[in-house]
């Protein structure tokens, strides 16, 4: 698989290592769903990355919240493969 074809979920994607991975994936042509509790950072990163990025407010300590976020990410990106 080429990174340009990636449709990736990134937990903690609004900052730090998750942000760096998201930036690299989008720069290579892939799409990302950023799952994070930090709405301000998530919105700012999506504004920078553009249409290939989606922020989904997610508390990863909640299984139900993660299940809902994964479903939303799949809809937003047309599937998930990373």
Protein backbone atom coordinates (compact mmCIF):
# COMPACT_ATOMS: atom_id res chain seq x y z
CA UNK A 1 0.00 0.00 0.00
CA UNK A 2 1.17 3.50 -0.82
CA UNK A 3 0.84 6.24 1.82
CA UNK A 4 -1.09 8.27 -0.75
CA UNK A 5 -3.82 5.63 -0.49
CA UNK A 6 -3.92 5.64 3.32
CA UNK A 7 -7.14 6.31 5.20
CA UNK A 8 -5.75 6.35 8.73
CA UNK A 9 -7.14 6.76 12.21
CA UNK A 10 -4.67 8.52 14.48
CA UNK A 11 -5.38 8.38 18.20
CA UNK A 12 -3.95 11.44 19.93
CA UNK A 13 -3.65 12.97 16.48
CA UNK A 14 -4.08 16.61 17.48
CA UNK A 15 -0.60 17.03 18.97
CA UNK A 16 2.82 15.51 19.46
CA UNK A 17 3.73 12.30 17.65
CA UNK A 18 0.16 11.83 16.39
CA UNK A 19 0.23 15.27 14.81
CA UNK A 20 3.58 14.54 13.16
CA UNK A 21 2.25 11.28 11.70
CA UNK A 22 -0.90 13.04 10.47
CA UNK A 23 1.15 15.75 8.78
CA UNK A 24 3.32 13.14 7.04
CA UNK A 25 0.35 11.06 5.87
CA UNK A 26 -1.49 14.09 4.48
CA UNK A 27 1.69 15.45 2.85
CA UNK A 28 2.04 12.10 1.05
CA UNK A 29 -1.54 12.31 -0.21
CA UNK A 30 -3.34 10.17 2.37
CA UNK A 31 -6.30 11.02 4.57
CA UNK A 32 -6.47 11.05 8.36
CA UNK A 33 -9.07 11.04 11.10
CA UNK A 34 -7.68 12.69 14.22
CA UNK A 35 -9.17 11.16 17.37
CA UNK A 36 -8.39 13.37 20.35
CA UNK A 37 -9.96 15.12 23.34
CA UNK A 38 -8.35 18.47 22.51
CA UNK A 39 -10.93 20.11 20.26
CA UNK A 40 -9.02 23.38 19.90
CA UNK A 41 -5.83 21.67 18.73
CA UNK A 42 -7.80 19.28 16.52
CA UNK A 43 -9.66 22.10 14.78
CA UNK A 44 -6.44 24.08 14.29
CA UNK A 45 -4.66 21.09 12.76
CA UNK A 46 -7.57 20.31 10.41
CA UNK A 47 -7.55 23.96 9.32
CA UNK A 48 -3.86 23.58 8.43
CA UNK A 49 -4.09 20.14 6.81
CA UNK A 50 -7.22 20.77 4.76
CA UNK A 51 -9.85 18.43 3.38
CA UNK A 52 -7.78 15.27 3.84
CA UNK A 53 -8.08 15.63 7.63
CA UNK A 54 -11.06 15.22 9.96
CA UNK A 55 -11.13 15.85 13.70
CA UNK A 56 -13.34 13.62 15.84
CA UNK A 57 -13.64 14.44 19.54
CA UNK A 58 -12.89 11.12 21.26
CA UNK A 59 -12.19 10.00 24.81
CA UNK A 60 -10.23 6.82 24.18
CA UNK A 61 -10.94 5.62 27.73
CA UNK A 62 -14.54 4.99 26.59
CA UNK A 63 -15.06 1.95 24.38
CA UNK A 64 -18.40 3.30 23.18
CA UNK A 65 -16.81 6.64 22.24
CA UNK A 66 -14.06 4.86 20.30
CA UNK A 67 -16.58 2.65 18.48
CA UNK A 68 -18.59 5.73 17.48
CA UNK A 69 -15.46 7.60 16.39
CA UNK A 70 -14.26 4.70 14.23
CA UNK A 71 -17.65 4.54 12.51
CA UNK A 72 -17.60 8.30 11.94
CA UNK A 73 -14.04 8.15 10.58
CA UNK A 74 -14.97 5.36 8.18
CA UNK A 75 -17.88 7.42 6.86
CA UNK A 76 -15.75 10.58 6.55
CA UNK A 77 -12.91 8.88 4.67
CA UNK A 78 -14.81 6.25 2.71
CA UNK A 79 -13.29 3.45 4.76
CA UNK A 80 -10.24 2.79 6.91
CA UNK A 81 -7.14 0.89 5.90
CA UNK A 82 -4.58 2.02 8.49
